[in-house]
Amino acid sequence: MAVGRFPSRRQGPRPILVDAARGSSDAVVVPSLGTTRESVEADRYPSIRPLAADQRSSRSAGSLGDGGVTVDPIEWVQIAEIRAAARRLRGQVLRSPLVPLSLPEPAPEIYLKLENLQPIGSFKLRGAGNAMALADPTMLADGVVTASAGNMAQGVAWNARRLGIPCHVVVPDHAPLTKIRAIERLGGEVVATSFERWWQALEERAYPGLDGHFIHPVSDPAVIAGNGTIGLEIVEDLPDVDAVVVPFGGGGLSCGIACAIAATHPDVPVHAAEVETAAPLAASLSAGAPTRVPYTASFVDGIGSTQLLPEMWPLARAALAGSLVSTLSQIRQAIRTLVAHGRVVAEGAGAASVAAALSGRAGQGRVVCRAGVGGALKKTPLAPLERGRRGGAAAHQVPISTAFPRDKTLAPLSR
């Protein structure tokens, strides 16, 4: 698909946008790595390598949050590795379009990076494809295993089917049935367990009784580099982007995009988007250390947890400008706005970034939102989306029946 590139508006040099918590110098400091964003290509950062079998087996197993699992912190991913990932993925994934979201009222100039147009409806093909391409063939002999709420599982299963190898997926018991069925259609075998046991599988990078190479959905440099290819495409298509907002689940996507953008546009902040029902990054940034938070299940099931993966904390703190937390109501309104004005049906996680941008907290300039993920939204959360138009709703909150008068599949939006 051909993707149009947006011309620059600026004649002079780009302004430097510096997070107040990081000082006021023109260089954006990466505190946990002791360098500036401009030097992320330095040779002292290690190249991406597949995790060796002996490294995986040497990690001690521990219960959730007890400190028994030891994983080295994830280093800043070099732009060279992200560009290499883009070359590996060429022909396997879609270069998704970047399109403006037209709103009838003054608002930030929002652009949507539509990863929902990927074959599985999600960006996860990128990270999974790069990680499996980098793995030694002997490591894939017994197939692959991952732990995912649905989208990464589909990315791994899709690539496993392409390679003709088995795939097992550990999912939390709240994973949407639509995603589970999608995994099974792709040939993946699903193992459902409690949220706590699922998180433990993420920490241990293994699950009892399942053989195969574990593809971590978040804290794998190869996965992060694959995700970072989205950042490359953003700055190529919109060179004078002012800010980027990315849904935050574990940090693999947002940090990958941030590493890519920092290499060429170090003044552009990349914000994480979280939901009020599970926002561990916001709490951790406020406390200055990884912090546990309460978790409440909701229709925003693709992001959020009780805590950060410890190995992702240094990179997330260094790479991201902060966390923009939205309420469930704001995310419902964002879903509705995307349908009415973007002709995009996004699940809650994908709409979280749009909700944050619509609030103005990412600025009033050109804001790119990684939106439109999945397509696994249930009818239950869709039903209340029309209620926002009562009692002085914003101009962009028009009835879905007006936007799609003949589309019966969107009927729950107008009830």
Protein backbone atom coordinates (compact mmCIF):
# COMPACT_ATOMS: atom_id res chain seq x y z
CA MET A 1 0.00 0.00 0.00
CA ALA A 2 1.36 3.38 -0.92
CA VAL A 3 1.53 5.76 1.98
CA GLY A 4 1.49 9.52 1.46
CA ARG A 5 4.01 11.68 3.28
CA PHE A 6 2.94 14.91 4.92
CA PRO A 7 4.90 18.07 4.10
CA SER A 8 6.68 20.01 6.80
CA ARG A 9 5.01 23.18 8.07
CA ARG A 10 8.15 24.68 9.54
CA GLN A 11 10.70 26.96 7.89
CA GLY A 12 13.10 27.32 10.84
CA PRO A 13 14.67 24.86 13.25
CA ARG A 14 12.41 22.57 15.28
CA PRO A 15 11.84 23.57 18.89
CA ILE A 16 13.28 21.37 21.62
CA LEU A 17 10.59 19.83 23.81
CA VAL A 18 12.10 18.92 27.17
CA ASP A 19 10.28 17.15 29.96
CA ALA A 20 10.40 19.39 33.02
CA ALA A 21 11.45 16.50 35.24
CA ARG A 22 14.60 16.09 33.14
CA GLY A 23 15.91 19.65 33.32
CA SER A 24 16.00 22.46 30.81
CA SER A 25 19.03 21.77 28.66
CA ASP A 26 18.73 21.25 24.91
CA ALA A 27 19.95 17.66 25.25
CA VAL A 28 17.35 15.20 26.52
CA VAL A 29 19.09 13.13 29.18
CA VAL A 30 18.59 9.38 29.38
CA PRO A 31 19.13 9.07 33.15
CA SER A 32 19.21 5.33 33.62
CA LEU A 33 21.70 4.84 30.81
CA GLY A 34 23.90 7.84 31.58
CA THR A 35 23.84 9.33 28.09
CA THR A 36 21.80 11.60 25.84
CA ARG A 37 19.24 10.52 23.30
CA GLU A 38 21.52 11.80 20.57
CA SER A 39 24.08 9.12 21.44
CA VAL A 40 21.82 6.06 21.36
CA GLU A 41 23.83 4.61 18.46
CA ALA A 42 27.00 4.42 20.56
CA ASP A 43 28.94 1.18 20.30
CA ARG A 44 28.64 0.51 24.02
CA TYR A 45 25.05 -0.70 23.57
CA PRO A 46 25.07 -4.42 22.80
CA SER A 47 23.69 -5.82 19.57
CA ILE A 48 20.49 -7.80 19.66
CA ARG A 49 21.08 -11.51 20.04
CA PRO A 50 18.61 -14.37 20.57
CA LEU A 51 18.47 -15.53 24.18
CA ALA A 52 20.53 -18.68 24.50
CA ALA A 53 18.94 -21.81 25.92
CA ASP A 54 21.35 -21.93 28.87
CA GLN A 55 20.47 -18.33 29.74
CA ARG A 56 16.77 -19.14 29.78
CA SER A 57 17.16 -22.20 31.95
CA SER A 58 19.44 -20.44 34.45
CA ARG A 59 16.77 -17.99 35.53
CA SER A 60 15.38 -18.97 38.88
CA ALA A 61 11.63 -19.35 39.19
CA GLY A 62 9.84 -17.29 41.77
CA SER A 63 6.34 -16.31 42.74
CA LEU A 64 4.73 -13.12 41.53
CA GLY A 65 6.65 -10.11 42.75
CA ASP A 66 8.83 -11.97 45.26
CA GLY A 67 12.08 -11.03 43.57
CA GLY A 68 12.97 -14.66 42.83
CA VAL A 69 13.15 -14.14 39.07
CA THR A 70 16.32 -12.43 37.88
CA VAL A 71 16.38 -10.83 34.43
CA ASP A 72 18.97 -8.35 33.21
CA PRO A 73 17.60 -4.84 32.48
CA ILE A 74 16.75 -4.24 28.83
CA GLU A 75 19.23 -1.86 27.22
CA TRP A 76 18.40 0.96 24.83
CA VAL A 77 17.79 -0.60 21.39
CA GLN A 78 20.06 0.83 18.72
CA ILE A 79 18.61 2.42 15.60
CA ALA A 80 20.78 0.08 13.50
CA GLU A 81 18.96 -2.90 14.97
CA ILE A 82 15.58 -1.32 14.29
CA ARG A 83 16.53 -0.62 10.69
CA ALA A 84 17.76 -4.20 10.35
CA ALA A 85 14.40 -5.39 11.69
CA ALA A 86 12.64 -3.29 9.04
CA ARG A 87 14.65 -5.05 6.33
CA ARG A 88 13.81 -8.49 7.77
CA LEU A 89 10.13 -7.68 7.95
CA ARG A 90 9.85 -6.21 4.47
CA GLY A 91 7.29 -8.25 2.55
CA GLN A 92 5.94 -9.88 5.72
CA VAL A 93 4.15 -6.95 7.35
CA LEU A 94 2.24 -4.00 5.98
CA ARG A 95 3.69 -0.53 6.07
CA SER A 96 0.57 0.80 7.74
CA PRO A 97 -0.86 4.17 6.68
CA LEU A 98 -0.64 7.33 8.75
CA VAL A 99 -3.90 9.22 8.33
CA PRO A 100 -5.26 12.46 9.83
CA LEU A 101 -8.27 12.32 12.14
CA SER A 102 -10.59 15.10 11.00
CA LEU A 103 -12.56 16.67 13.83
CA PRO A 104 -15.21 19.41 13.49
CA GLU A 105 -13.87 21.49 16.38
CA PRO A 106 -10.52 22.94 17.43
CA ALA A 107 -8.39 20.08 18.70
CA PRO A 108 -4.85 18.76 18.46
CA GLU A 109 -3.86 17.80 14.91
CA ILE A 110 -4.18 14.05 15.42
CA TYR A 111 -2.78 11.43 13.06
CA LEU A 112 -3.57 7.74 13.35
CA LYS A 113 -1.04 4.99 12.72
CA LEU A 114 -3.42 2.23 11.64
CA GLU A 115 -1.78 -1.03 12.65
CA ASN A 116 -5.22 -2.66 12.68
CA LEU A 117 -4.70 -3.13 8.93
CA GLN A 118 -2.02 -5.75 9.55
CA PRO A 119 -3.07 -9.32 8.60
CA ILE A 120 -3.91 -10.13 12.24
CA GLY A 121 -5.24 -6.65 13.04
CA SER A 122 -2.29 -5.76 15.28
CA PHE A 123 1.30 -4.49 15.28
CA LYS A 124 2.41 -7.67 17.04
CA LEU A 125 3.43 -9.27 13.76
CA ARG A 126 6.44 -6.97 13.74
CA GLY A 127 8.01 -7.95 17.06
CA ALA A 128 7.14 -11.61 16.80
CA GLY A 129 8.41 -11.82 13.22
CA ASN A 130 11.73 -10.17 14.04
CA ALA A 131 12.31 -12.30 17.15
CA MET A 132 11.62 -15.53 15.29
CA ALA A 133 13.78 -14.46 12.34
CA LEU A 134 16.71 -13.86 14.71
CA ALA A 135 16.28 -17.14 16.61
CA ASP A 136 18.60 -19.99 15.70
CA PRO A 137 16.63 -22.68 13.80
CA THR A 138 17.60 -25.27 16.41
CA MET A 139 15.82 -23.15 19.04
CA LEU A 140 12.61 -23.36 17.01
CA ALA A 141 12.74 -27.13 16.51
CA ASP A 142 10.15 -27.75 19.26
CA GLY A 143 8.04 -24.78 18.25
CA VAL A 144 7.37 -21.57 20.14
CA VAL A 145 5.61 -20.53 23.34
CA THR A 146 4.36 -17.13 24.41
CA ALA A 147 2.23 -15.56 27.13
CA SER A 148 -0.25 -13.02 25.84
CA ALA A 149 -3.73 -11.59 26.32
CA GLY A 150 -4.34 -12.18 22.62
CA ASN A 151 -2.60 -9.88 20.14
CA MET A 152 1.01 -11.05 20.63
CA ALA A 153 -0.30 -14.59 20.66
CA GLN A 154 -1.76 -14.04 17.22
CA GLY A 155 1.51 -12.52 16.01
CA VAL A 156 3.49 -15.53 17.22
CA ALA A 157 0.90 -18.02 15.93
CA TRP A 158 0.78 -16.32 12.51
CA ASN A 159 4.55 -16.50 12.16
CA ALA A 160 4.65 -20.07 13.51
CA ARG A 161 2.13 -21.15 10.89
CA ARG A 162 4.24 -19.43 8.21
CA LEU A 163 7.30 -21.38 9.41
CA GLY A 164 5.39 -24.64 9.89
CA ILE A 165 6.19 -25.05 13.60
CA PRO A 166 3.95 -25.65 16.67
CA CYS A 167 2.77 -22.76 18.82
CA HIS A 168 1.48 -22.78 22.41
CA VAL A 169 -0.03 -19.70 24.04
CA VAL A 170 -0.62 -19.02 27.75
CA VAL A 171 -3.50 -16.56 28.15
CA PRO A 172 -5.06 -14.95 31.25
CA ASP A 173 -8.57 -16.19 31.94
CA HIS A 174 -10.06 -12.77 31.15
CA ALA A 175 -8.78 -12.82 27.54
CA PRO A 176 -11.62 -12.11 25.07
CA LEU A 177 -13.10 -15.19 23.40
CA THR A 178 -12.74 -13.46 20.03
CA LYS A 179 -8.97 -13.37 20.48
CA ILE A 180 -8.78 -16.96 21.70
CA ARG A 181 -10.69 -18.12 18.65
CA ALA A 182 -8.40 -16.07 16.43
CA ILE A 183 -5.35 -17.75 17.99
CA GLU A 184 -6.85 -21.17 17.38
CA ARG A 185 -7.72 -20.32 13.78
CA LEU A 186 -4.04 -19.53 13.25
CA GLY A 187 -3.08 -22.95 14.62
CA GLY A 188 -2.08 -21.92 18.14
CA GLU A 189 -2.91 -24.13 21.12
CA VAL A 190 -4.31 -22.08 24.01
CA VAL A 191 -3.69 -22.68 27.72
CA ALA A 192 -5.83 -20.44 29.96
CA THR A 193 -4.81 -19.66 33.53
CA SER A 194 -5.30 -17.05 36.24
CA PHE A 195 -3.96 -13.55 35.73
CA GLU A 196 -1.40 -14.08 38.52
CA ARG A 197 -0.11 -17.36 37.04
CA TRP A 198 -0.04 -15.80 33.56
CA TRP A 199 2.09 -12.92 34.88
CA GLN A 200 4.40 -15.44 36.51
CA ALA A 201 4.90 -17.08 33.11
CA LEU A 202 5.96 -13.67 31.78
CA GLU A 203 8.46 -13.32 34.62
CA GLU A 204 9.83 -16.86 34.30
CA ARG A 205 9.72 -16.96 30.49
CA ALA A 206 8.34 -20.48 30.66
CA TYR A 207 5.24 -22.45 31.59
CA PRO A 208 5.20 -26.00 33.03
CA GLY A 209 4.65 -28.69 30.43
CA LEU A 210 5.12 -26.46 27.39
CA ASP A 211 8.25 -27.01 25.31
CA GLY A 212 9.54 -24.66 22.69
CA HIS A 213 11.37 -21.35 22.37
CA PHE A 214 9.71 -18.69 24.54
CA ILE A 215 8.93 -15.48 22.66
CA HIS A 216 8.49 -12.79 25.29
CA PRO A 217 5.81 -10.26 24.28
CA VAL A 218 7.57 -7.33 25.94
CA SER A 219 11.12 -7.59 27.28
CA ASP A 220 12.93 -9.08 24.32
CA PRO A 221 15.27 -6.69 22.45
CA ALA A 222 14.35 -8.36 19.15
CA VAL A 223 10.64 -7.79 19.81
CA ILE A 224 11.30 -4.18 20.83
CA ALA A 225 13.32 -3.60 17.65
CA GLY A 226 10.52 -5.03 15.54
CA ASN A 227 8.04 -2.74 17.25
CA GLY A 228 10.40 0.17 16.70
CA THR A 229 9.91 -0.08 12.93
CA ILE A 230 6.62 1.76 13.52
CA GLY A 231 8.63 4.73 14.79
CA LEU A 232 10.76 4.73 11.65
CA GLU A 233 7.65 4.92 9.50
CA ILE A 234 6.12 7.72 11.58
CA VAL A 235 9.06 10.10 11.20
CA GLU A 236 9.44 9.26 7.52
CA ASP A 237 5.78 10.03 6.79
CA LEU A 238 5.40 13.00 9.16
CA PRO A 239 8.85 14.58 9.59
CA ASP A 240 7.66 17.45 11.80
CA VAL A 241 5.61 15.40 14.22
CA ASP A 242 5.33 17.17 17.59
CA ALA A 243 4.48 14.24 19.88
CA VAL A 244 3.62 10.56 19.80
CA VAL A 245 1.22 8.73 22.14
CA VAL A 246 1.42 4.94 22.43
CA PRO A 247 -0.71 2.54 24.52
CA PHE A 248 1.37 1.05 27.34
CA GLY A 249 0.93 -2.61 28.20
CA GLY A 250 4.39 -3.73 29.20
CA GLY A 251 6.48 -1.17 27.37
CA GLY A 252 7.73 -3.19 24.41
CA LEU A 253 5.83 -1.11 21.86
CA SER A 254 6.18 2.34 23.38
CA CYS A 255 9.88 1.90 24.17
CA GLY A 256 10.59 0.50 20.70
CA ILE A 257 8.93 3.49 19.04
CA ALA A 258 10.69 5.87 21.43
CA CYS A 259 14.12 4.37 20.66
CA ALA A 260 13.50 4.77 16.93
CA ILE A 261 12.22 8.34 17.12
CA ALA A 262 14.92 9.49 19.55
CA ALA A 263 17.64 8.59 17.06
CA THR A 264 16.48 11.12 14.45
CA HIS A 265 14.02 13.36 16.34
CA PRO A 266 15.38 13.61 19.91
CA ASP A 267 13.11 16.58 20.67
CA VAL A 268 9.87 14.66 20.00
CA PRO A 269 8.34 13.26 23.23
CA VAL A 270 6.83 9.78 23.17
CA HIS A 271 4.10 9.45 25.81
CA ALA A 272 2.66 6.24 27.21
CA ALA A 273 -1.13 5.94 27.40
CA GLU A 274 -2.64 4.02 30.32
CA VAL A 275 -6.10 3.41 31.70
CA GLU A 276 -7.21 4.36 35.20
CA THR A 277 -8.07 0.76 36.07
CA ALA A 278 -4.45 -0.39 35.68
CA ALA A 279 -1.72 2.24 35.42
CA PRO A 280 1.52 0.90 36.93
CA LEU A 281 3.80 3.12 34.83
CA ALA A 282 2.20 6.35 36.05
CA ALA A 283 2.46 5.16 39.66
CA SER A 284 6.06 4.05 39.18
CA LEU A 285 7.12 7.33 37.57
CA SER A 286 5.49 9.23 40.42
CA ALA A 287 7.22 7.09 43.05
CA GLY A 288 10.54 6.93 41.24
CA ALA A 289 10.59 3.14 41.42
CA PRO A 290 8.51 0.19 40.18
CA THR A 291 5.23 0.26 42.10
CA ARG A 292 2.34 -2.19 42.34
CA VAL A 293 -1.16 -0.88 41.72
CA PRO A 294 -4.66 -2.35 41.97
CA TYR A 295 -5.94 -4.00 38.80
CA THR A 296 -9.58 -3.88 37.77
CA ALA A 297 -10.63 -5.86 34.71
CA SER A 298 -12.46 -3.81 32.09
CA PHE A 299 -13.12 -3.67 28.36
CA VAL A 300 -9.64 -2.12 28.04
CA ASP A 301 -8.05 -5.56 28.27
CA GLY A 302 -5.07 -5.14 25.95
CA ILE A 303 -3.07 -2.88 28.29
CA GLY A 304 -2.57 -2.55 32.02
CA SER A 305 -1.37 -4.75 34.84
CA THR A 306 -0.60 -4.65 38.54
CA GLN A 307 3.08 -3.84 38.01
CA LEU A 308 5.90 -3.31 35.53
CA LEU A 309 8.29 -6.01 34.49
CA PRO A 310 11.40 -5.03 36.49
CA GLU A 311 13.72 -5.40 33.52
CA MET A 312 11.67 -2.85 31.52
CA TRP A 313 11.66 -0.12 34.18
CA PRO A 314 15.04 1.52 33.37
CA LEU A 315 14.28 1.72 29.65
CA ALA A 316 10.69 2.93 30.14
CA ARG A 317 11.82 5.64 32.56
CA ALA A 318 14.54 6.80 30.17
CA ALA A 319 12.75 6.57 26.84
CA LEU A 320 9.23 7.80 27.62
CA ALA A 321 8.17 11.37 28.34
CA GLY A 322 5.59 10.23 30.87
CA SER A 323 2.27 8.44 31.22
CA LEU A 324 -1.09 9.93 30.22
CA VAL A 325 -3.83 8.13 32.16
CA SER A 326 -7.40 8.19 30.81
CA THR A 327 -10.67 7.18 32.41
CA LEU A 328 -12.89 4.46 30.99
CA SER A 329 -15.35 7.16 30.01
CA GLN A 330 -12.69 9.04 28.05
CA ILE A 331 -11.67 5.87 26.24
CA ARG A 332 -15.30 5.09 25.38
CA GLN A 333 -15.60 8.57 23.90
CA ALA A 334 -12.39 8.04 21.93
CA ILE A 335 -13.72 4.78 20.47
CA ARG A 336 -16.85 6.59 19.44
CA THR A 337 -14.89 9.48 17.92
CA LEU A 338 -12.75 7.06 15.92
CA VAL A 339 -15.85 5.39 14.51
CA ALA A 340 -17.66 8.61 13.70
CA HIS A 341 -14.76 10.62 12.29
CA GLY A 342 -12.03 8.13 11.44
CA ARG A 343 -14.15 5.19 10.23
CA VAL A 344 -12.01 3.05 12.52
CA VAL A 345 -13.34 0.56 15.06
CA ALA A 346 -10.70 0.28 17.78
CA GLU A 347 -10.64 -1.79 20.91
CA GLY A 348 -10.06 -0.10 24.24
CA ALA A 349 -6.27 -0.42 24.26
CA GLY A 350 -5.95 1.11 20.82
CA ALA A 351 -8.24 4.00 21.71
CA ALA A 352 -6.37 4.87 24.92
CA SER A 353 -3.78 6.89 23.00
CA VAL A 354 -6.50 8.80 21.16
CA ALA A 355 -8.28 9.55 24.43
CA ALA A 356 -5.08 11.04 25.82
CA ALA A 357 -4.49 13.12 22.68
CA LEU A 358 -8.06 14.42 22.59
CA SER A 359 -7.60 15.72 26.15
CA GLY A 360 -4.81 18.00 24.93
CA ARG A 361 -2.27 16.57 27.38
CA ALA A 362 0.10 15.59 24.56
CA GLY A 363 0.08 19.13 23.18
CA GLN A 364 -1.81 21.01 20.49
CA GLY A 365 0.52 20.32 17.56
CA ARG A 366 0.84 17.31 15.29
CA VAL A 367 0.22 14.31 17.55
CA VAL A 368 0.53 10.74 16.25
CA CYS A 369 -1.49 8.06 18.01
CA ARG A 370 -0.86 4.39 17.52
CA ALA A 371 -4.51 3.47 17.25
CA GLY A 372 -6.97 1.01 15.82
CA VAL A 373 -5.54 -2.17 17.28
CA GLY A 374 -7.20 -5.56 17.43
CA GLY A 375 -10.86 -5.38 16.62
CA ALA A 376 -11.87 -7.58 19.56
CA LEU A 377 -14.17 -5.07 21.20
CA LYS A 378 -17.18 -6.64 22.88
CA LYS A 379 -20.72 -5.33 22.54
CA THR A 380 -21.07 -4.65 26.25
CA PRO A 381 -18.74 -1.61 26.41
CA LEU A 382 -20.04 -0.33 23.07
CA ALA A 383 -23.54 0.19 24.35
CA PRO A 384 -22.81 3.16 26.64
CA LEU A 385 -20.74 5.03 24.05
CA GLU A 386 -23.74 7.01 22.80
CA ARG A 387 -24.62 8.30 26.26
CA GLY A 388 -21.88 10.92 26.11
CA ARG A 389 -23.92 13.05 23.66
CA ARG A 390 -26.47 13.85 26.33
CA GLY A 391 -25.97 16.92 28.42
CA GLY A 392 -23.63 19.10 26.40
CA ALA A 393 -21.31 16.61 24.73
CA ALA A 394 -18.46 17.87 22.59
CA ALA A 395 -19.13 18.56 18.93
CA HIS A 396 -17.18 15.51 17.78
CA GLN A 397 -19.52 13.20 19.72
CA VAL A 398 -22.15 12.72 17.02
CA PRO A 399 -24.59 9.79 16.95
CA ILE A 400 -23.16 6.64 15.42
CA SER A 401 -26.45 6.19 13.57
CA THR A 402 -25.68 9.45 11.77
CA ALA A 403 -22.18 8.38 10.82
CA PHE A 404 -23.19 4.89 9.70
CA PRO A 405 -26.94 4.95 8.94
CA ARG A 406 -26.98 1.54 7.22
CA ASP A 407 -24.40 -0.32 9.27
CA LYS A 408 -26.30 -2.76 11.48
CA THR A 409 -23.08 -4.13 13.01
CA LEU A 410 -22.66 -0.83 14.91
CA ALA A 411 -26.20 -0.81 16.26
CA PRO A 412 -25.07 -1.23 19.91
CA LEU A 413 -23.29 2.14 19.68
CA SER A 414 -26.59 3.98 19.20
CA ARG A 415 -28.68 2.31 21.87
